[in-house]
Amino acid sequence: MKLVPRAVTLNMGRGMLTLKKDSPHIFFVAGIVGVVVSTVLACRATLKLEETLDNIQGDLKNVNDVEVTEIETEQEHKKDVGYVYVKSGLQIAKLYAPAVIIGAASITALTGSHVQLSRRNASLMAAYAIVQKAYEDYRERVQEELGKQRELELFRGEKTEAVEGSKELVKLHDPNKLSPYSKIFDEYSREWEKDPELNRLFVQCQQNYANNLLHARGHVFLNEVYDMLGIDRTKAGAVVGWVISKDGGDNYIDFGIFNPGTTNFVNGWERSIVLDFNVDGVIYDKI
């Protein structure tokens, strides 16, 4: 027995995995193409339908023109009429069968694509929720060990250093140690102005509006907040956000305007600010 080379099996396995990964897109494209083909075939069948109906009418006329004189002949006449109707139905079904078959296959392909994507999204949200729960539990354990304030300082990358030539201590904030949802509100934002006071008022007003929306509607997505601030949307922002819940969460939206390191912006000395949002995580399973 000749063994299959390992490289061949690896390539086959990789190909099957790629095919499985792309199967929703393949099903979707096949479904769209099938719908178009089915429509074309149905139109072509309709063009031939008139000729088929004329033939059916001719067959019925020939059967009805036969003179009925005896009981046996009447029974045979009914059988002939029934035969014509059955034959006519089969002709029409045969005419539209390709369109119906391809249309049904197209609907099946589109449905399969939707089902696969829905299952994958559900699995991804479940996995994300597990990771976030583990992360939150870890932060809680650190808070119990070091205290809530100290844990928050570590989370935000804050550290205290002495000013050179002075005994004064200042708290420094590392903007690189922020959550993946943080954004810089600067000149790249569509709503940014050169006036630092206007920027401060705008950001605070948007935070107030976002909180009003949260309590009025019950949920807000992060991308909606990005829109308020004139910041480009992200893929993560489409699934994470805030939700009013009794099972945990802050139940309020905080842009991080008054976090350590934002003093210059709050006092109107700087025109830009690093915003770090206190999202509740994926909220589809919490709404």
C-alpha atoms as a PDB file:
ATOM      1  CA  MET A   1       0.000   0.000   0.000  1.00  0.00           C
ATOM      2  CA  LYS A   2       1.462   3.317  -1.093  1.00  0.00           C
ATOM      3  CA  LEU A   3       1.288   6.106   1.492  1.00  0.00           C
ATOM      4  CA  VAL A   4       0.186   9.618   0.531  1.00  0.00           C
ATOM      5  CA  PRO A   5       3.015  12.170   1.022  1.00  0.00           C
ATOM      6  CA  ARG A   6       2.648  14.340   4.120  1.00  0.00           C
ATOM      7  CA  ALA A   7       2.853  17.543   2.046  1.00  0.00           C
ATOM      8  CA  VAL A   8      -0.185  16.449   0.037  1.00  0.00           C
ATOM      9  CA  THR A   9      -2.276  15.781   3.130  1.00  0.00           C
ATOM     10  CA  LEU A  10      -1.210  19.098   4.635  1.00  0.00           C
ATOM     11  CA  ASN A  11      -2.187  20.977   1.473  1.00  0.00           C
ATOM     12  CA  MET A  12      -5.508  19.141   1.315  1.00  0.00           C
ATOM     13  CA  GLY A  13      -6.213  19.917   4.966  1.00  0.00           C
ATOM     14  CA  ARG A  14      -5.303  23.570   4.515  1.00  0.00           C
ATOM     15  CA  GLY A  15      -7.472  23.754   1.403  1.00  0.00           C
ATOM     16  CA  MET A  16     -10.456  22.228   3.209  1.00  0.00           C
ATOM     17  CA  LEU A  17      -9.998  24.656   6.103  1.00  0.00           C
ATOM     18  CA  THR A  18      -9.844  27.634   3.719  1.00  0.00           C
ATOM     19  CA  LEU A  19     -12.935  26.380   1.907  1.00  0.00           C
ATOM     20  CA  LYS A  20     -14.783  26.016   5.208  1.00  0.00           C
ATOM     21  CA  LYS A  21     -13.718  29.516   6.275  1.00  0.00           C
ATOM     22  CA  ASP A  22     -14.932  31.051   3.012  1.00  0.00           C
ATOM     23  CA  SER A  23     -18.056  28.872   2.712  1.00  0.00           C
ATOM     24  CA  PRO A  24     -20.505  31.636   3.812  1.00  0.00           C
ATOM     25  CA  HIS A  25     -19.195  33.938   1.079  1.00  0.00           C
ATOM     26  CA  ILE A  26     -19.248  31.114  -1.463  1.00  0.00           C
ATOM     27  CA  PHE A  27     -22.837  30.221  -0.555  1.00  0.00           C
ATOM     28  CA  PHE A  28     -23.873  33.870  -0.734  1.00  0.00           C
ATOM     29  CA  VAL A  29     -22.332  34.437  -4.176  1.00  0.00           C
ATOM     30  CA  ALA A  30     -23.757  31.156  -5.451  1.00  0.00           C
ATOM     31  CA  GLY A  31     -27.174  32.121  -4.111  1.00  0.00           C
ATOM     32  CA  ILE A  32     -27.116  35.521  -5.832  1.00  0.00           C
ATOM     33  CA  VAL A  33     -25.996  33.993  -9.129  1.00  0.00           C
ATOM     34  CA  GLY A  34     -28.642  31.304  -8.778  1.00  0.00           C
ATOM     35  CA  VAL A  35     -31.399  33.867  -8.212  1.00  0.00           C
ATOM     36  CA  VAL A  36     -30.365  35.729 -11.373  1.00  0.00           C
ATOM     37  CA  VAL A  37     -30.225  32.510 -13.418  1.00  0.00           C
ATOM     38  CA  SER A  38     -33.572  31.387 -12.015  1.00  0.00           C
ATOM     39  CA  THR A  39     -35.155  34.695 -13.003  1.00  0.00           C
ATOM     40  CA  VAL A  40     -33.774  34.443 -16.543  1.00  0.00           C
ATOM     41  CA  LEU A  41     -35.022  30.870 -16.932  1.00  0.00           C
ATOM     42  CA  ALA A  42     -38.461  31.841 -15.606  1.00  0.00           C
ATOM     43  CA  CYS A  43     -38.656  34.665 -18.156  1.00  0.00           C
ATOM     44  CA  ARG A  44     -37.674  32.307 -20.980  1.00  0.00           C
ATOM     45  CA  ALA A  45     -40.257  29.777 -19.826  1.00  0.00           C
ATOM     46  CA  THR A  46     -42.921  32.492 -19.770  1.00  0.00           C
ATOM     47  CA  LEU A  47     -42.137  33.336 -23.400  1.00  0.00           C
ATOM     48  CA  LYS A  48     -42.837  29.702 -24.329  1.00  0.00           C
ATOM     49  CA  LEU A  49     -45.921  29.471 -22.123  1.00  0.00           C
ATOM     50  CA  GLU A  50     -48.286  31.023 -24.654  1.00  0.00           C
ATOM     51  CA  GLU A  51     -47.427  28.375 -27.264  1.00  0.00           C
ATOM     52  CA  THR A  52     -47.879  25.621 -24.670  1.00  0.00           C
ATOM     53  CA  LEU A  53     -51.275  26.996 -23.622  1.00  0.00           C
ATOM     54  CA  ASP A  54     -52.382  27.157 -27.268  1.00  0.00           C
ATOM     55  CA  ASN A  55     -51.482  23.480 -27.675  1.00  0.00           C
ATOM     56  CA  ILE A  56     -53.406  22.628 -24.520  1.00  0.00           C
ATOM     57  CA  GLN A  57     -56.447  24.537 -25.749  1.00  0.00           C
ATOM     58  CA  GLY A  58     -56.211  22.671 -29.069  1.00  0.00           C
ATOM     59  CA  ASP A  59     -56.100  19.284 -27.318  1.00  0.00           C
ATOM     60  CA  LEU A  60     -59.133  20.197 -25.194  1.00  0.00           C
ATOM     61  CA  LYS A  61     -61.025  21.361 -28.274  1.00  0.00           C
ATOM     62  CA  ASN A  62     -60.297  18.093 -30.068  1.00  0.00           C
ATOM     63  CA  VAL A  63     -61.527  16.094 -27.083  1.00  0.00           C
ATOM     64  CA  ASN A  64     -64.690  18.199 -26.664  1.00  0.00           C
ATOM     65  CA  ASP A  65     -65.498  17.983 -30.378  1.00  0.00           C
ATOM     66  CA  VAL A  66     -65.958  14.204 -30.117  1.00  0.00           C
ATOM     67  CA  GLU A  67     -69.680  13.357 -30.156  1.00  0.00           C
ATOM     68  CA  VAL A  68     -70.863  11.661 -26.953  1.00  0.00           C
ATOM     69  CA  THR A  69     -73.585   9.043 -27.718  1.00  0.00           C
ATOM     70  CA  GLU A  70     -73.294   6.282 -25.141  1.00  0.00           C
ATOM     71  CA  ILE A  71     -72.483   5.970 -21.419  1.00  0.00           C
ATOM     72  CA  GLU A  72     -69.205   4.205 -22.164  1.00  0.00           C
ATOM     73  CA  THR A  73     -68.267   6.951 -24.550  1.00  0.00           C
ATOM     74  CA  GLU A  74     -69.041   9.643 -21.940  1.00  0.00           C
ATOM     75  CA  GLN A  75     -66.805   7.938 -19.413  1.00  0.00           C
ATOM     76  CA  GLU A  76     -64.052   7.711 -21.995  1.00  0.00           C
ATOM     77  CA  HIS A  77     -64.586  11.394 -22.740  1.00  0.00           C
ATOM     78  CA  LYS A  78     -64.015  12.310 -19.070  1.00  0.00           C
ATOM     79  CA  LYS A  79     -60.885  10.183 -19.023  1.00  0.00           C
ATOM     80  CA  ASP A  80     -59.598  11.943 -22.144  1.00  0.00           C
ATOM     81  CA  VAL A  81     -60.254  15.369 -20.586  1.00  0.00           C
ATOM     82  CA  GLY A  82     -58.482  14.323 -17.386  1.00  0.00           C
ATOM     83  CA  TYR A  83     -55.573  12.988 -19.408  1.00  0.00           C
ATOM     84  CA  VAL A  84     -55.283  16.337 -21.219  1.00  0.00           C
ATOM     85  CA  TYR A  85     -55.242  18.243 -17.925  1.00  0.00           C
ATOM     86  CA  VAL A  86     -52.614  15.956 -16.407  1.00  0.00           C
ATOM     87  CA  LYS A  87     -50.495  16.157 -19.538  1.00  0.00           C
ATOM     88  CA  SER A  88     -50.891  19.955 -19.584  1.00  0.00           C
ATOM     89  CA  GLY A  89     -49.828  20.260 -15.953  1.00  0.00           C
ATOM     90  CA  LEU A  90     -46.746  18.155 -16.615  1.00  0.00           C
ATOM     91  CA  GLN A  91     -45.865  20.280 -19.632  1.00  0.00           C
ATOM     92  CA  ILE A  92     -46.117  23.513 -17.627  1.00  0.00           C
ATOM     93  CA  ALA A  93     -44.186  21.981 -14.706  1.00  0.00           C
ATOM     94  CA  LYS A  94     -41.474  20.784 -17.111  1.00  0.00           C
ATOM     95  CA  LEU A  95     -41.349  24.256 -18.605  1.00  0.00           C
ATOM     96  CA  TYR A  96     -40.724  25.973 -15.240  1.00  0.00           C
ATOM     97  CA  ALA A  97     -38.879  23.103 -13.506  1.00  0.00           C
ATOM     98  CA  PRO A  98     -35.323  24.421 -14.169  1.00  0.00           C
ATOM     99  CA  ALA A  99     -36.211  27.872 -12.818  1.00  0.00           C
ATOM    100  CA  VAL A 100     -37.913  26.412  -9.733  1.00  0.00           C
ATOM    101  CA  ILE A 101     -35.067  23.977  -8.984  1.00  0.00           C
ATOM    102  CA  ILE A 102     -32.332  26.598  -9.361  1.00  0.00           C
ATOM    103  CA  GLY A 103     -34.405  29.123  -7.364  1.00  0.00           C
ATOM    104  CA  ALA A 104     -34.878  26.637  -4.518  1.00  0.00           C
ATOM    105  CA  ALA A 105     -31.156  25.812  -4.530  1.00  0.00           C
ATOM    106  CA  SER A 106     -30.345  29.544  -4.470  1.00  0.00           C
ATOM    107  CA  ILE A 107     -32.594  30.139  -1.456  1.00  0.00           C
ATOM    108  CA  THR A 108     -30.967  27.172   0.278  1.00  0.00           C
ATOM    109  CA  ALA A 109     -27.494  28.603  -0.410  1.00  0.00           C
ATOM    110  CA  LEU A 110     -28.464  32.067   0.893  1.00  0.00           C
ATOM    111  CA  THR A 111     -30.043  30.528   3.981  1.00  0.00           C
ATOM    112  CA  GLY A 112     -26.930  28.420   4.588  1.00  0.00           C
ATOM    113  CA  SER A 113     -24.727  31.500   4.342  1.00  0.00           C
ATOM    114  CA  HIS A 114     -26.902  33.357   6.860  1.00  0.00           C
ATOM    115  CA  VAL A 115     -26.998  30.408   9.284  1.00  0.00           C
ATOM    116  CA  GLN A 116     -23.219  29.940   9.188  1.00  0.00           C
ATOM    117  CA  LEU A 117     -22.503  33.625   9.743  1.00  0.00           C
ATOM    118  CA  SER A 118     -25.032  33.778  12.590  1.00  0.00           C
ATOM    119  CA  ARG A 119     -23.421  30.793  14.293  1.00  0.00           C
ATOM    120  CA  ARG A 120     -19.949  32.253  13.893  1.00  0.00           C
ATOM    121  CA  ASN A 121     -21.039  35.619  15.279  1.00  0.00           C
ATOM    122  CA  ALA A 122     -22.674  33.915  18.241  1.00  0.00           C
ATOM    123  CA  SER A 123     -19.506  31.892  18.879  1.00  0.00           C
ATOM    124  CA  LEU A 124     -17.291  34.981  18.614  1.00  0.00           C
ATOM    125  CA  MET A 125     -19.465  36.968  21.030  1.00  0.00           C
ATOM    126  CA  ALA A 126     -19.502  34.060  23.465  1.00  0.00           C
ATOM    127  CA  ALA A 127     -15.706  33.751  23.274  1.00  0.00           C
ATOM    128  CA  TYR A 128     -15.282  37.505  23.705  1.00  0.00           C
ATOM    129  CA  ALA A 129     -17.628  37.492  26.697  1.00  0.00           C
ATOM    130  CA  ILE A 130     -15.596  34.692  28.320  1.00  0.00           C
ATOM    131  CA  VAL A 131     -12.318  36.558  27.785  1.00  0.00           C
ATOM    132  CA  GLN A 132     -13.776  39.801  29.120  1.00  0.00           C
ATOM    133  CA  LYS A 133     -15.242  38.054  32.172  1.00  0.00           C
ATOM    134  CA  ALA A 134     -11.845  36.503  32.920  1.00  0.00           C
ATOM    135  CA  TYR A 135     -10.195  39.918  32.507  1.00  0.00           C
ATOM    136  CA  GLU A 136     -12.706  41.603  34.829  1.00  0.00           C
ATOM    137  CA  ASP A 137     -12.225  38.856  37.431  1.00  0.00           C
ATOM    138  CA  TYR A 138      -8.476  39.390  37.189  1.00  0.00           C
ATOM    139  CA  ARG A 139      -8.876  43.139  37.774  1.00  0.00           C
ATOM    140  CA  GLU A 140     -11.099  42.449  40.780  1.00  0.00           C
ATOM    141  CA  ARG A 141      -8.465  40.158  42.299  1.00  0.00           C
ATOM    142  CA  VAL A 142      -5.812  42.835  41.774  1.00  0.00           C
ATOM    143  CA  GLN A 143      -8.108  45.424  43.398  1.00  0.00           C
ATOM    144  CA  GLU A 144      -8.574  43.166  46.422  1.00  0.00           C
ATOM    145  CA  GLU A 145      -4.821  42.758  46.698  1.00  0.00           C
ATOM    146  CA  LEU A 146      -3.630  46.319  46.004  1.00  0.00           C
ATOM    147  CA  GLY A 147      -6.726  48.441  46.418  1.00  0.00           C
ATOM    148  CA  LYS A 148      -9.048  49.911  43.802  1.00  0.00           C
ATOM    149  CA  GLN A 149      -7.147  53.178  43.394  1.00  0.00           C
ATOM    150  CA  ARG A 150      -3.769  51.513  42.939  1.00  0.00           C
ATOM    151  CA  GLU A 151      -5.195  49.011  40.448  1.00  0.00           C
ATOM    152  CA  LEU A 152      -6.738  51.854  38.465  1.00  0.00           C
ATOM    153  CA  GLU A 153      -3.392  53.659  38.374  1.00  0.00           C
ATOM    154  CA  LEU A 154      -1.690  50.518  37.042  1.00  0.00           C
ATOM    155  CA  PHE A 155      -4.459  49.992  34.492  1.00  0.00           C
ATOM    156  CA  ARG A 156      -4.057  53.551  33.181  1.00  0.00           C
ATOM    157  CA  GLY A 157      -0.279  53.482  33.240  1.00  0.00           C
ATOM    158  CA  GLU A 158      -0.008  56.208  35.878  1.00  0.00           C
ATOM    159  CA  LYS A 159       3.125  56.740  37.912  1.00  0.00           C
ATOM    160  CA  THR A 160       4.330  59.368  40.336  1.00  0.00           C
ATOM    161  CA  GLU A 161       7.688  61.077  39.798  1.00  0.00           C
ATOM    162  CA  ALA A 162       9.506  63.964  41.419  1.00  0.00           C
ATOM    163  CA  VAL A 163       9.939  67.158  39.438  1.00  0.00           C
ATOM    164  CA  GLU A 164      13.577  67.774  38.593  1.00  0.00           C
ATOM    165  CA  GLY A 165      15.109  70.301  40.990  1.00  0.00           C
ATOM    166  CA  SER A 166      12.082  70.156  43.275  1.00  0.00           C
ATOM    167  CA  LYS A 167      10.567  67.934  45.923  1.00  0.00           C
ATOM    168  CA  GLU A 168       7.153  68.240  44.295  1.00  0.00           C
ATOM    169  CA  LEU A 169       5.616  64.971  43.101  1.00  0.00           C
ATOM    170  CA  VAL A 170       3.568  64.836  39.902  1.00  0.00           C
ATOM    171  CA  LYS A 171       1.421  62.047  38.522  1.00  0.00           C
ATOM    172  CA  LEU A 172       2.327  61.091  34.957  1.00  0.00           C
ATOM    173  CA  HIS A 173       0.008  59.321  32.557  1.00  0.00           C
ATOM    174  CA  ASP A 174       1.206  56.990  29.790  1.00  0.00           C
ATOM    175  CA  PRO A 175      -1.196  57.329  26.804  1.00  0.00           C
ATOM    176  CA  ASN A 176       0.170  54.110  25.301  1.00  0.00           C
ATOM    177  CA  LYS A 177      -1.293  52.033  28.138  1.00  0.00           C
ATOM    178  CA  LEU A 178      -4.938  52.643  27.391  1.00  0.00           C
ATOM    179  CA  SER A 179      -7.773  50.341  26.399  1.00  0.00           C
ATOM    180  CA  PRO A 180      -8.056  49.324  22.716  1.00  0.00           C
ATOM    181  CA  TYR A 181     -11.151  51.534  22.467  1.00  0.00           C
ATOM    182  CA  SER A 182      -9.381  54.796  23.351  1.00  0.00           C
ATOM    183  CA  LYS A 183      -9.173  57.556  20.743  1.00  0.00           C
ATOM    184  CA  ILE A 184      -7.419  60.911  20.386  1.00  0.00           C
ATOM    185  CA  PHE A 185      -9.738  63.853  19.864  1.00  0.00           C
ATOM    186  CA  ASP A 186      -7.548  66.117  17.738  1.00  0.00           C
ATOM    187  CA  GLU A 187      -7.445  67.863  14.379  1.00  0.00           C
ATOM    188  CA  TYR A 188      -8.205  64.582  12.602  1.00  0.00           C
ATOM    189  CA  SER A 189     -11.691  64.686  14.099  1.00  0.00           C
ATOM    190  CA  ARG A 190     -14.386  66.335  11.994  1.00  0.00           C
ATOM    191  CA  GLU A 191     -15.684  68.195  15.070  1.00  0.00           C
ATOM    192  CA  TRP A 192     -12.341  69.490  16.376  1.00  0.00           C
ATOM    193  CA  GLU A 193     -11.779  73.248  16.585  1.00  0.00           C
ATOM    194  CA  LYS A 194      -8.708  75.381  17.146  1.00  0.00           C
ATOM    195  CA  ASP A 195     -10.287  76.885  20.258  1.00  0.00           C
ATOM    196  CA  PRO A 196      -9.461  74.664  23.297  1.00  0.00           C
ATOM    197  CA  GLU A 197     -12.451  75.958  25.276  1.00  0.00           C
ATOM    198  CA  LEU A 198     -14.853  75.046  22.483  1.00  0.00           C
ATOM    199  CA  ASN A 199     -13.346  71.558  22.294  1.00  0.00           C
ATOM    200  CA  ARG A 200     -13.726  71.029  26.043  1.00  0.00           C
ATOM    201  CA  LEU A 201     -17.354  72.157  25.999  1.00  0.00           C
ATOM    202  CA  PHE A 202     -18.090  70.044  22.924  1.00  0.00           C
ATOM    203  CA  VAL A 203     -16.643  66.845  24.415  1.00  0.00           C
ATOM    204  CA  GLN A 204     -18.477  67.371  27.715  1.00  0.00           C
ATOM    205  CA  CYS A 205     -21.752  68.059  25.917  1.00  0.00           C
ATOM    206  CA  GLN A 206     -21.354  64.912  23.829  1.00  0.00           C
ATOM    207  CA  GLN A 207     -20.709  62.887  26.966  1.00  0.00           C
ATOM    208  CA  ASN A 208     -23.871  64.300  28.559  1.00  0.00           C
ATOM    209  CA  TYR A 209     -25.847  63.571  25.392  1.00  0.00           C
ATOM    210  CA  ALA A 210     -24.519  60.004  25.257  1.00  0.00           C
ATOM    211  CA  ASN A 211     -25.592  59.420  28.866  1.00  0.00           C
ATOM    212  CA  ASN A 212     -29.047  60.838  28.170  1.00  0.00           C
ATOM    213  CA  LEU A 213     -29.321  58.505  25.164  1.00  0.00           C
ATOM    214  CA  LEU A 214     -28.194  55.550  27.284  1.00  0.00           C
ATOM    215  CA  HIS A 215     -30.832  56.137  29.963  1.00  0.00           C
ATOM    216  CA  ALA A 216     -33.541  56.917  27.408  1.00  0.00           C
ATOM    217  CA  ARG A 217     -32.920  53.936  25.103  1.00  0.00           C
ATOM    218  CA  GLY A 218     -31.132  51.494  27.389  1.00  0.00           C
ATOM    219  CA  HIS A 219     -28.038  50.925  25.239  1.00  0.00           C
ATOM    220  CA  VAL A 220     -25.447  52.829  23.198  1.00  0.00           C
ATOM    221  CA  PHE A 221     -22.822  51.395  20.850  1.00  0.00           C
ATOM    222  CA  LEU A 222     -19.274  52.720  20.862  1.00  0.00           C
ATOM    223  CA  ASN A 223     -19.489  53.575  17.163  1.00  0.00           C
ATOM    224  CA  GLU A 224     -22.392  55.891  17.975  1.00  0.00           C
ATOM    225  CA  VAL A 225     -20.141  57.763  20.387  1.00  0.00           C
ATOM    226  CA  TYR A 226     -17.406  57.889  17.756  1.00  0.00           C
ATOM    227  CA  ASP A 227     -19.961  59.459  15.393  1.00  0.00           C
ATOM    228  CA  MET A 228     -20.822  62.101  17.995  1.00  0.00           C
ATOM    229  CA  LEU A 229     -17.153  63.034  18.256  1.00  0.00           C
ATOM    230  CA  GLY A 230     -16.461  62.989  14.510  1.00  0.00           C
ATOM    231  CA  ILE A 231     -14.123  59.993  14.865  1.00  0.00           C
ATOM    232  CA  ASP A 232     -13.997  57.138  12.361  1.00  0.00           C
ATOM    233  CA  ARG A 233     -15.853  53.987  13.286  1.00  0.00           C
ATOM    234  CA  THR A 234     -14.129  50.690  14.120  1.00  0.00           C
ATOM    235  CA  LYS A 235     -15.105  47.040  13.811  1.00  0.00           C
ATOM    236  CA  ALA A 236     -15.028  46.595  17.584  1.00  0.00           C
ATOM    237  CA  GLY A 237     -17.232  49.659  18.035  1.00  0.00           C
ATOM    238  CA  ALA A 238     -20.045  47.872  16.205  1.00  0.00           C
ATOM    239  CA  VAL A 239     -20.466  45.277  18.975  1.00  0.00           C
ATOM    240  CA  VAL A 240     -19.178  46.897  22.183  1.00  0.00           C
ATOM    241  CA  GLY A 241     -20.783  49.722  24.113  1.00  0.00           C
ATOM    242  CA  TRP A 242     -22.892  50.399  27.182  1.00  0.00           C
ATOM    243  CA  VAL A 243     -26.152  48.945  28.433  1.00  0.00           C
ATOM    244  CA  ILE A 244     -28.364  49.672  31.438  1.00  0.00           C
ATOM    245  CA  SER A 245     -28.251  46.512  33.520  1.00  0.00           C
ATOM    246  CA  LYS A 246     -28.686  45.339  37.102  1.00  0.00           C
ATOM    247  CA  ASP A 247     -26.131  42.566  36.624  1.00  0.00           C
ATOM    248  CA  GLY A 248     -23.088  44.810  36.626  1.00  0.00           C
ATOM    249  CA  GLY A 249     -21.584  47.593  34.596  1.00  0.00           C
ATOM    250  CA  ASP A 250     -21.290  51.273  35.383  1.00  0.00           C
ATOM    251  CA  ASN A 251     -24.696  52.241  33.930  1.00  0.00           C
ATOM    252  CA  TYR A 252     -23.132  55.475  32.735  1.00  0.00           C
ATOM    253  CA  ILE A 253     -20.802  56.603  29.936  1.00  0.00           C
ATOM    254  CA  ASP A 254     -17.450  58.145  30.780  1.00  0.00           C
ATOM    255  CA  PHE A 255     -15.131  59.535  28.111  1.00  0.00           C
ATOM    256  CA  GLY A 256     -12.257  59.829  30.579  1.00  0.00           C
ATOM    257  CA  ILE A 257     -12.260  63.622  30.348  1.00  0.00           C
ATOM    258  CA  PHE A 258     -11.153  63.998  33.955  1.00  0.00           C
ATOM    259  CA  ASN A 259      -8.656  61.147  34.032  1.00  0.00           C
ATOM    260  CA  PRO A 260      -5.140  61.955  35.263  1.00  0.00           C
ATOM    261  CA  GLY A 261      -3.121  63.547  32.501  1.00  0.00           C
ATOM    262  CA  THR A 262      -6.003  65.572  31.050  1.00  0.00           C
ATOM    263  CA  THR A 263      -5.570  68.617  33.299  1.00  0.00           C
ATOM    264  CA  ASN A 264      -4.301  70.876  30.528  1.00  0.00           C
ATOM    265  CA  PHE A 265      -7.295  70.057  28.327  1.00  0.00           C
ATOM    266  CA  VAL A 266      -9.803  70.564  31.144  1.00  0.00           C
ATOM    267  CA  ASN A 267      -8.227  73.913  32.026  1.00  0.00           C
ATOM    268  CA  GLY A 268      -8.292  75.050  28.410  1.00  0.00           C
ATOM    269  CA  TRP A 269      -4.522  74.961  27.865  1.00  0.00           C
ATOM    270  CA  GLU A 270      -4.583  72.160  25.282  1.00  0.00           C
ATOM    271  CA  ARG A 271      -6.829  71.668  22.265  1.00  0.00           C
ATOM    272  CA  SER A 272      -6.641  67.858  22.069  1.00  0.00           C
ATOM    273  CA  ILE A 273      -7.249  65.012  24.489  1.00  0.00           C
ATOM    274  CA  VAL A 274      -6.867  61.238  24.741  1.00  0.00           C
ATOM    275  CA  LEU A 275     -10.311  59.775  25.447  1.00  0.00           C
ATOM    276  CA  ASP A 276     -10.568  56.376  27.138  1.00  0.00           C
ATOM    277  CA  PHE A 277     -14.125  54.996  27.209  1.00  0.00           C
ATOM    278  CA  ASN A 278     -15.498  52.811  30.021  1.00  0.00           C
ATOM    279  CA  VAL A 279     -17.350  50.399  27.719  1.00  0.00           C
ATOM    280  CA  ASP A 280     -19.220  47.431  29.198  1.00  0.00           C
ATOM    281  CA  GLY A 281     -17.867  45.151  26.462  1.00  0.00           C
ATOM    282  CA  VAL A 282     -19.972  43.256  23.930  1.00  0.00           C
ATOM    283  CA  ILE A 283     -23.575  44.239  24.610  1.00  0.00           C
ATOM    284  CA  TYR A 284     -25.576  42.127  22.141  1.00  0.00           C
ATOM    285  CA  ASP A 285     -25.988  39.406  24.752  1.00  0.00           C
ATOM    286  CA  LYS A 286     -26.865  41.991  27.419  1.00  0.00           C
ATOM    287  CA  ILE A 287     -29.544  44.010  25.617  1.00  0.00           C
END
